[in-house]
N, C-alpha and C. Protein backbone atom coordinates (compact mmCIF):
# COMPACT_ATOMS: atom_id res chain seq x y z
N VAL A 1 4.79 -13.16 -6.06
CA VAL A 1 3.91 -13.50 -5.18
C VAL A 1 3.53 -12.42 -4.18
N SER A 2 4.59 -11.84 -3.65
CA SER A 2 4.66 -10.76 -2.50
C SER A 2 3.74 -9.71 -3.15
N VAL A 3 3.91 -9.29 -4.40
CA VAL A 3 3.23 -8.12 -4.93
C VAL A 3 1.88 -8.31 -5.27
N LEU A 4 1.59 -9.48 -5.59
CA LEU A 4 0.09 -9.88 -5.80
C LEU A 4 -0.51 -10.02 -4.64
N GLU A 5 -0.05 -10.47 -3.35
CA GLU A 5 -0.68 -10.34 -2.21
C GLU A 5 -0.86 -8.79 -1.68
N ARG A 6 0.03 -8.16 -1.93
CA ARG A 6 0.02 -6.68 -1.61
C ARG A 6 -1.10 -6.23 -2.51
N GLN A 7 -1.37 -6.23 -3.49
CA GLN A 7 -2.12 -5.94 -4.48
C GLN A 7 -3.67 -6.31 -4.03
N ILE A 8 -3.71 -7.44 -3.72
CA ILE A 8 -5.26 -7.88 -3.20
C ILE A 8 -5.67 -6.99 -2.14
N PHE A 9 -4.71 -6.79 -1.04
CA PHE A 9 -5.05 -5.90 0.07
C PHE A 9 -5.19 -4.61 -0.22
N ASP A 10 -4.43 -3.92 -1.37
CA ASP A 10 -4.53 -2.59 -1.66
C ASP A 10 -5.87 -2.44 -2.21
N PHE A 11 -6.47 -3.40 -3.21
CA PHE A 11 -7.76 -3.50 -3.65
C PHE A 11 -8.88 -3.45 -2.77
N LEU A 12 -8.78 -4.20 -1.68
CA LEU A 12 -9.82 -4.40 -0.40
C LEU A 12 -9.83 -3.08 0.25
N GLY A 13 -8.63 -2.39 0.25
CA GLY A 13 -8.53 -0.87 1.06
C GLY A 13 -9.29 0.17 0.07
N TYR A 14 -9.17 0.08 -1.21
CA TYR A 14 -9.58 0.83 -2.24
C TYR A 14 -8.47 2.11 -2.27
N GLN A 15 -7.21 1.77 -2.21
CA GLN A 15 -5.94 2.50 -2.13
C GLN A 15 -5.59 2.63 -3.72
N TRP A 16 -5.66 3.35 -4.26
CA TRP A 16 -5.39 3.61 -5.82
C TRP A 16 -4.15 3.65 -6.27
N ALA A 17 -3.42 4.74 -5.71
CA ALA A 17 -1.99 4.84 -5.96
C ALA A 17 -1.16 3.61 -5.79
N PRO A 18 -1.25 2.90 -4.62
CA PRO A 18 -0.57 1.47 -4.68
C PRO A 18 -1.03 0.54 -5.44
N ILE A 19 -2.40 0.52 -5.75
CA ILE A 19 -2.72 -0.23 -6.96
C ILE A 19 -2.15 -0.31 -8.14
N LEU A 20 -1.94 1.04 -8.52
CA LEU A 20 -1.23 1.50 -9.93
C LEU A 20 0.17 0.98 -9.87
N ALA A 21 0.61 1.39 -8.60
CA ALA A 21 2.19 1.22 -8.68
C ALA A 21 2.37 -0.21 -8.71
N ASN A 22 1.62 -1.35 -7.96
CA ASN A 22 1.85 -2.57 -7.78
C ASN A 22 1.53 -3.26 -9.20
N PHE A 23 0.57 -2.75 -10.04
CA PHE A 23 0.38 -3.28 -11.34
C PHE A 23 1.32 -2.90 -12.26
N ILE A 24 1.95 -1.74 -12.19
CA ILE A 24 3.15 -1.50 -13.14
C ILE A 24 4.45 -2.28 -12.57
N HIS A 25 4.48 -2.47 -11.32
CA HIS A 25 5.49 -3.44 -10.96
C HIS A 25 5.49 -4.73 -11.57
N ILE A 26 4.16 -5.18 -11.60
CA ILE A 26 4.09 -6.70 -12.04
C ILE A 26 4.41 -6.84 -13.48
N ILE A 27 4.07 -5.96 -14.25
CA ILE A 27 4.37 -5.87 -15.68
C ILE A 27 5.73 -5.52 -15.86
N ILE A 28 6.56 -4.82 -15.25
CA ILE A 28 7.90 -4.53 -15.29
C ILE A 28 8.77 -5.73 -14.88
N VAL A 29 8.22 -6.58 -13.87
CA VAL A 29 8.89 -7.70 -13.48
C VAL A 29 8.79 -8.75 -14.57
N ILE A 30 7.51 -9.10 -15.15
CA ILE A 30 7.47 -9.78 -16.31
C ILE A 30 8.32 -9.37 -17.49
N LEU A 31 8.67 -8.15 -18.12
CA LEU A 31 9.41 -7.85 -18.77
C LEU A 31 10.90 -7.91 -18.39
N GLY A 32 11.31 -7.56 -17.19
CA GLY A 32 12.43 -7.85 -16.69
C GLY A 32 12.79 -9.35 -16.74
N LEU A 33 11.93 -10.30 -16.59
CA LEU A 33 12.24 -11.75 -16.66
C LEU A 33 12.41 -11.99 -18.11
N PHE A 34 11.62 -11.78 -18.81
CA PHE A 34 11.84 -11.77 -20.33
C PHE A 34 13.00 -11.37 -20.94
N GLY A 35 13.51 -10.18 -20.49
CA GLY A 35 14.85 -9.43 -20.78
C GLY A 35 15.91 -10.36 -20.48
N THR A 36 15.84 -10.93 -19.15
CA THR A 36 16.85 -11.80 -18.84
C THR A 36 16.92 -13.02 -19.37
N ILE A 37 15.70 -13.66 -19.73
CA ILE A 37 15.85 -15.12 -20.45
C ILE A 37 16.34 -14.77 -21.83
N GLN A 38 15.84 -13.72 -22.49
CA GLN A 38 16.24 -13.46 -23.90
C GLN A 38 17.48 -12.82 -24.12
N TYR A 39 18.08 -12.27 -23.07
CA TYR A 39 19.09 -11.42 -22.87
C TYR A 39 18.91 -10.05 -23.68
N ARG A 40 18.02 -9.23 -23.20
CA ARG A 40 17.80 -7.96 -24.10
C ARG A 40 18.26 -6.94 -22.83
N PRO A 41 19.49 -6.03 -23.47
CA PRO A 41 20.03 -5.35 -22.27
C PRO A 41 18.78 -3.98 -22.12
N ARG A 42 18.19 -3.73 -22.93
CA ARG A 42 17.32 -2.65 -22.75
C ARG A 42 16.15 -2.90 -21.82
N TYR A 43 15.80 -4.09 -21.86
CA TYR A 43 14.56 -4.59 -20.59
C TYR A 43 15.30 -4.73 -19.35
N ILE A 44 16.58 -5.23 -19.23
CA ILE A 44 17.08 -5.46 -18.10
C ILE A 44 17.52 -3.99 -17.47
N THR A 45 17.95 -3.03 -18.33
CA THR A 45 18.36 -1.67 -17.89
C THR A 45 16.94 -1.20 -17.30
N GLY A 46 15.84 -1.16 -18.32
CA GLY A 46 14.77 -0.48 -17.67
C GLY A 46 14.16 -1.45 -16.36
N TYR A 47 14.41 -2.55 -16.19
CA TYR A 47 13.98 -2.97 -15.00
C TYR A 47 14.69 -2.76 -13.88
N ALA A 48 16.10 -2.44 -14.10
CA ALA A 48 17.10 -1.73 -13.01
C ALA A 48 16.46 -0.37 -12.65
N VAL A 49 16.26 0.40 -13.58
CA VAL A 49 15.63 1.80 -13.29
C VAL A 49 14.35 1.67 -12.50
N TRP A 50 13.45 0.94 -13.06
CA TRP A 50 12.40 0.56 -12.31
C TRP A 50 12.60 0.25 -10.61
N LEU A 51 13.37 -0.56 -10.50
CA LEU A 51 13.78 -0.99 -9.04
C LEU A 51 14.25 0.07 -8.39
N VAL A 52 15.01 1.04 -8.71
CA VAL A 52 15.21 2.47 -8.00
C VAL A 52 13.87 3.03 -7.70
N LEU A 53 12.97 3.10 -8.57
CA LEU A 53 11.51 3.91 -8.40
C LEU A 53 10.93 3.19 -7.54
N TRP A 54 10.79 1.87 -7.63
CA TRP A 54 10.01 1.02 -6.66
C TRP A 54 10.55 0.96 -5.42
N VAL A 55 11.81 1.10 -5.02
CA VAL A 55 12.52 1.10 -3.71
C VAL A 55 12.00 2.73 -3.40
N THR A 56 12.12 3.79 -3.98
CA THR A 56 11.59 5.07 -3.67
C THR A 56 10.23 5.25 -3.32
N TRP A 57 9.43 4.56 -4.16
CA TRP A 57 7.94 4.35 -3.83
C TRP A 57 7.59 3.73 -2.32
N ASN A 58 8.55 2.71 -1.94
CA ASN A 58 8.32 1.93 -0.86
C ASN A 58 8.71 2.77 0.15
N VAL A 59 9.81 3.52 0.14
CA VAL A 59 10.44 4.23 1.21
C VAL A 59 9.42 5.42 1.48
N PHE A 60 8.86 5.95 0.25
CA PHE A 60 7.57 6.85 0.50
C PHE A 60 6.43 6.42 1.41
N VAL A 61 6.14 5.01 1.13
CA VAL A 61 4.85 4.40 1.68
C VAL A 61 5.34 4.13 3.44
N ILE A 62 6.59 3.88 3.45
CA ILE A 62 7.00 3.68 4.99
C ILE A 62 6.95 5.00 5.93
N CYS A 63 7.49 6.13 4.86
CA CYS A 63 7.35 7.41 5.71
C CYS A 63 5.95 7.88 5.76
N PHE A 64 4.98 7.61 4.96
CA PHE A 64 3.69 8.15 4.91
C PHE A 64 3.06 7.50 6.31
N TYR A 65 3.24 5.85 6.07
CA TYR A 65 2.67 5.33 7.50
C TYR A 65 3.30 5.62 8.89
N LEU A 66 4.40 6.04 8.84
CA LEU A 66 5.18 6.30 10.08
C LEU A 66 4.94 7.86 10.41
N GLU A 67 4.51 8.61 9.42
CA GLU A 67 4.04 10.02 9.50
C GLU A 67 5.41 10.69 9.54
N ALA A 68 6.33 10.50 9.01
CA ALA A 68 7.72 11.17 8.91
C ALA A 68 7.44 12.47 8.13
N GLY A 69 8.10 13.39 8.73
CA GLY A 69 7.88 14.85 8.30
C GLY A 69 6.44 15.42 8.42
N ASP A 70 6.15 16.11 7.36
CA ASP A 70 4.63 16.63 7.03
C ASP A 70 3.46 15.68 6.63
N LEU A 71 4.06 14.37 6.43
CA LEU A 71 3.17 13.41 5.94
C LEU A 71 2.34 13.07 7.03
N SER A 72 0.61 12.43 6.76
CA SER A 72 -0.21 12.13 7.68
C SER A 72 -1.01 11.20 6.92
N LYS A 73 -1.11 10.10 7.66
CA LYS A 73 -1.96 8.85 7.10
C LYS A 73 -3.23 9.14 7.04
N GLU A 74 -3.68 10.21 7.64
CA GLU A 74 -5.21 10.69 7.48
C GLU A 74 -5.49 11.56 6.35
N THR A 75 -4.71 11.76 5.52
CA THR A 75 -4.85 12.68 4.11
C THR A 75 -5.22 11.57 3.15
N ASP A 76 -6.62 11.65 2.45
CA ASP A 76 -7.22 10.82 1.63
C ASP A 76 -6.24 11.17 0.25
N LEU A 77 -5.73 12.31 -0.10
CA LEU A 77 -5.42 12.46 -1.33
C LEU A 77 -4.19 11.84 -1.94
N ILE A 78 -3.47 11.32 -1.07
CA ILE A 78 -2.20 10.68 -1.40
C ILE A 78 -2.49 9.29 -1.95
N LEU A 79 -2.95 8.42 -1.33
CA LEU A 79 -3.21 7.01 -1.47
C LEU A 79 -4.42 6.85 -2.32
N THR A 80 -5.53 7.59 -2.07
CA THR A 80 -6.69 7.07 -2.98
C THR A 80 -7.05 8.03 -3.90
N PHE A 81 -6.17 9.13 -4.33
CA PHE A 81 -6.42 10.13 -5.20
C PHE A 81 -7.74 10.98 -4.90
N ASN A 82 -8.01 11.10 -3.50
CA ASN A 82 -9.17 11.71 -3.11
C ASN A 82 -10.42 11.25 -3.62
N ILE A 83 -10.65 10.08 -4.31
CA ILE A 83 -11.62 9.59 -4.87
C ILE A 83 -12.61 8.71 -3.73
N SER A 84 -12.08 8.31 -2.81
CA SER A 84 -12.68 7.58 -1.83
C SER A 84 -12.11 7.77 -0.42
N MET A 85 -12.68 7.53 0.75
CA MET A 85 -12.31 7.87 1.95
C MET A 85 -11.80 6.52 2.65
N HIS A 86 -11.42 5.63 1.83
CA HIS A 86 -10.95 4.40 2.54
C HIS A 86 -9.31 4.24 2.90
N ARG A 87 -9.09 3.59 3.83
CA ARG A 87 -7.68 3.37 4.27
C ARG A 87 -7.29 1.97 3.99
N SER A 88 -6.08 1.79 4.67
CA SER A 88 -5.59 0.35 4.48
C SER A 88 -6.60 -0.58 5.15
N TRP A 89 -6.65 -1.72 4.29
CA TRP A 89 -7.64 -2.79 4.83
C TRP A 89 -7.13 -3.33 6.12
N TRP A 90 -6.05 -3.36 6.45
CA TRP A 90 -5.79 -3.88 7.66
C TRP A 90 -6.11 -2.93 8.94
N MET A 91 -6.46 -1.66 8.67
CA MET A 91 -7.07 -0.69 9.71
C MET A 91 -8.16 -1.65 10.58
N GLU A 92 -8.97 -2.03 9.87
CA GLU A 92 -10.32 -2.66 10.63
C GLU A 92 -10.23 -4.20 10.71
N ASN A 93 -9.26 -4.81 9.86
CA ASN A 93 -8.98 -6.45 9.70
C ASN A 93 -7.75 -6.81 10.17
N GLY A 94 -6.93 -6.34 10.90
CA GLY A 94 -5.57 -6.42 11.65
C GLY A 94 -5.78 -7.93 12.45
N PRO A 95 -4.69 -8.45 12.75
CA PRO A 95 -4.89 -9.42 13.57
C PRO A 95 -5.34 -8.90 15.20
N GLY A 96 -6.38 -9.69 15.50
CA GLY A 96 -6.96 -9.29 16.88
C GLY A 96 -7.84 -7.84 16.91
N CYS A 97 -8.09 -7.49 15.87
CA CYS A 97 -8.65 -6.03 15.93
C CYS A 97 -10.33 -6.22 16.21
N THR A 98 -10.70 -5.53 16.98
CA THR A 98 -12.21 -5.61 17.18
C THR A 98 -12.91 -4.25 16.67
N VAL A 99 -13.79 -4.48 15.79
CA VAL A 99 -14.35 -3.29 15.26
C VAL A 99 -15.58 -3.02 15.91
N THR A 100 -15.89 -1.84 16.40
CA THR A 100 -17.17 -1.41 17.13
C THR A 100 -17.88 -0.29 16.37
N SER A 101 -19.05 -0.36 15.97
CA SER A 101 -20.05 0.80 15.42
C SER A 101 -20.19 1.60 16.33
N VAL A 102 -20.12 3.14 15.93
CA VAL A 102 -20.38 4.09 16.81
C VAL A 102 -21.72 4.47 16.39
N THR A 103 -22.89 4.56 17.20
CA THR A 103 -23.94 5.14 16.79
C THR A 103 -24.47 6.10 18.19
N PRO A 104 -25.11 7.00 17.76
CA PRO A 104 -25.13 7.71 16.51
C PRO A 104 -24.12 8.12 15.97
N ALA A 105 -23.91 8.10 14.60
CA ALA A 105 -22.75 8.81 13.90
C ALA A 105 -22.77 10.18 14.07
N PRO A 106 -21.57 10.82 14.24
CA PRO A 106 -21.43 12.37 14.23
C PRO A 106 -22.12 12.98 12.94
N ASP A 107 -22.39 14.05 13.07
CA ASP A 107 -23.04 14.95 11.89
C ASP A 107 -22.06 15.11 10.58
N TRP A 108 -20.92 15.24 11.10
CA TRP A 108 -19.89 15.37 9.87
C TRP A 108 -19.46 14.31 9.22
N ALA A 109 -19.90 13.05 9.59
CA ALA A 109 -19.40 11.63 8.96
C ALA A 109 -20.65 11.54 7.70
N PRO A 110 -19.67 11.20 6.68
CA PRO A 110 -20.56 10.89 5.33
C PRO A 110 -21.55 9.89 5.55
N GLU A 111 -22.76 9.79 4.86
CA GLU A 111 -23.87 8.95 5.01
C GLU A 111 -23.59 7.59 4.58
N ASP A 112 -22.61 7.57 3.53
CA ASP A 112 -22.30 6.20 3.00
C ASP A 112 -21.11 5.61 3.63
N HIS A 113 -20.79 6.27 4.65
CA HIS A 113 -19.75 5.37 5.38
C HIS A 113 -20.07 5.12 6.69
N ARG A 114 -19.70 3.99 7.31
CA ARG A 114 -20.02 3.69 8.86
C ARG A 114 -19.02 4.43 9.58
N TYR A 115 -19.26 4.68 10.73
CA TYR A 115 -18.40 5.43 11.70
C TYR A 115 -17.89 4.22 12.75
N ILE A 116 -16.66 4.06 13.05
CA ILE A 116 -16.46 2.99 13.71
C ILE A 116 -15.12 3.39 14.71
N THR A 117 -15.10 2.56 15.75
CA THR A 117 -13.75 2.52 16.42
C THR A 117 -13.07 1.17 16.42
N VAL A 118 -11.77 0.97 16.35
CA VAL A 118 -11.07 -0.26 16.19
C VAL A 118 -10.10 -0.17 17.53
N SER A 119 -10.17 -1.45 18.07
CA SER A 119 -9.35 -1.66 19.32
C SER A 119 -9.06 -3.15 19.38
N GLY A 120 -7.90 -3.10 20.24
CA GLY A 120 -7.34 -4.60 20.60
C GLY A 120 -6.59 -5.13 19.52
N CYS A 121 -6.13 -4.40 18.57
CA CYS A 121 -5.13 -5.06 17.69
C CYS A 121 -3.90 -5.47 18.35
N PHE A 122 -3.36 -6.52 17.90
CA PHE A 122 -2.05 -7.08 18.45
C PHE A 122 -0.91 -6.23 17.63
N LEU A 123 -1.32 -5.82 16.36
CA LEU A 123 -0.31 -5.21 15.59
C LEU A 123 -1.10 -4.14 14.88
N GLU A 124 -0.55 -2.97 15.02
CA GLU A 124 -1.25 -1.66 14.36
C GLU A 124 -1.29 -1.82 12.95
N TYR A 125 -2.16 -1.57 12.21
CA TYR A 125 -2.16 -1.53 10.68
C TYR A 125 -0.94 -0.83 10.01
N GLN A 126 -0.55 0.12 10.47
CA GLN A 126 0.56 1.09 9.93
C GLN A 126 1.85 0.11 10.06
N TYR A 127 1.96 -0.92 10.98
CA TYR A 127 3.40 -1.54 11.07
C TYR A 127 3.07 -2.61 10.05
N ILE A 128 2.07 -3.06 9.77
CA ILE A 128 1.90 -4.17 8.76
C ILE A 128 2.12 -3.63 7.46
N GLU A 129 1.64 -2.47 7.13
CA GLU A 129 1.76 -1.76 5.77
C GLU A 129 3.15 -1.35 5.81
N VAL A 130 4.06 -1.11 7.01
CA VAL A 130 5.62 -0.80 6.84
C VAL A 130 6.28 -2.02 6.42
N ALA A 131 5.84 -3.31 7.17
CA ALA A 131 6.35 -4.57 6.79
C ALA A 131 6.23 -5.01 5.39
N HIS A 132 5.19 -4.77 4.91
CA HIS A 132 4.85 -4.94 3.37
C HIS A 132 5.97 -4.30 2.53
N SER A 133 6.14 -3.06 2.79
CA SER A 133 6.89 -2.11 2.02
C SER A 133 8.55 -2.51 2.40
N SER A 134 8.57 -2.80 3.42
CA SER A 134 10.13 -3.18 3.83
C SER A 134 10.56 -4.61 3.10
N LEU A 135 9.63 -5.48 3.11
CA LEU A 135 9.73 -6.60 2.15
C LEU A 135 9.93 -6.33 0.84
N GLN A 136 9.25 -5.63 0.35
CA GLN A 136 9.35 -5.10 -1.06
C GLN A 136 10.82 -4.59 -1.40
N ILE A 137 11.34 -3.74 -0.31
CA ILE A 137 12.62 -3.30 -0.57
C ILE A 137 13.58 -4.00 -0.44
N PHE A 138 13.43 -5.13 0.47
CA PHE A 138 14.33 -6.11 0.49
C PHE A 138 14.69 -6.98 -0.68
N LEU A 139 13.23 -7.31 -1.13
CA LEU A 139 13.41 -8.10 -2.45
C LEU A 139 13.77 -7.47 -3.58
N ALA A 140 13.62 -5.94 -3.76
CA ALA A 140 14.31 -5.35 -4.85
C ALA A 140 15.63 -5.21 -4.77
N VAL A 141 16.12 -4.92 -3.70
CA VAL A 141 17.60 -4.76 -3.40
C VAL A 141 18.38 -6.15 -3.61
N SER A 142 17.79 -7.06 -3.12
CA SER A 142 18.54 -8.46 -3.42
C SER A 142 18.40 -8.91 -4.68
């Protein structure tokens, strides 16, 4: 259920790498449950290996949003495969956030995107994303 919720919000933000990772995770969880019920050791082993990769992915997402090392959350290439300029859905729609359009838009802003400022958030979007990834790590480890 937690991954499905995360998948919905990643779709809303057009973040293609997390969408792909979540989709694979959902399929592997189904196979892992099937392997457990039918006692198929290969499925269970595959699920265990996937959980290691899943934890690694979520640690990367946490480091990405907290900008650990050389990572920057302003980079489009990593989570959107440089297909779109979208960011986390929570950036504009977080709890208490007020979105204000900036007019006129700067010359460097793409024509198909609006230029906005976000203020008044009770919790910054990167911390919501970190909480989602931390929950996934907790569930995978438990």
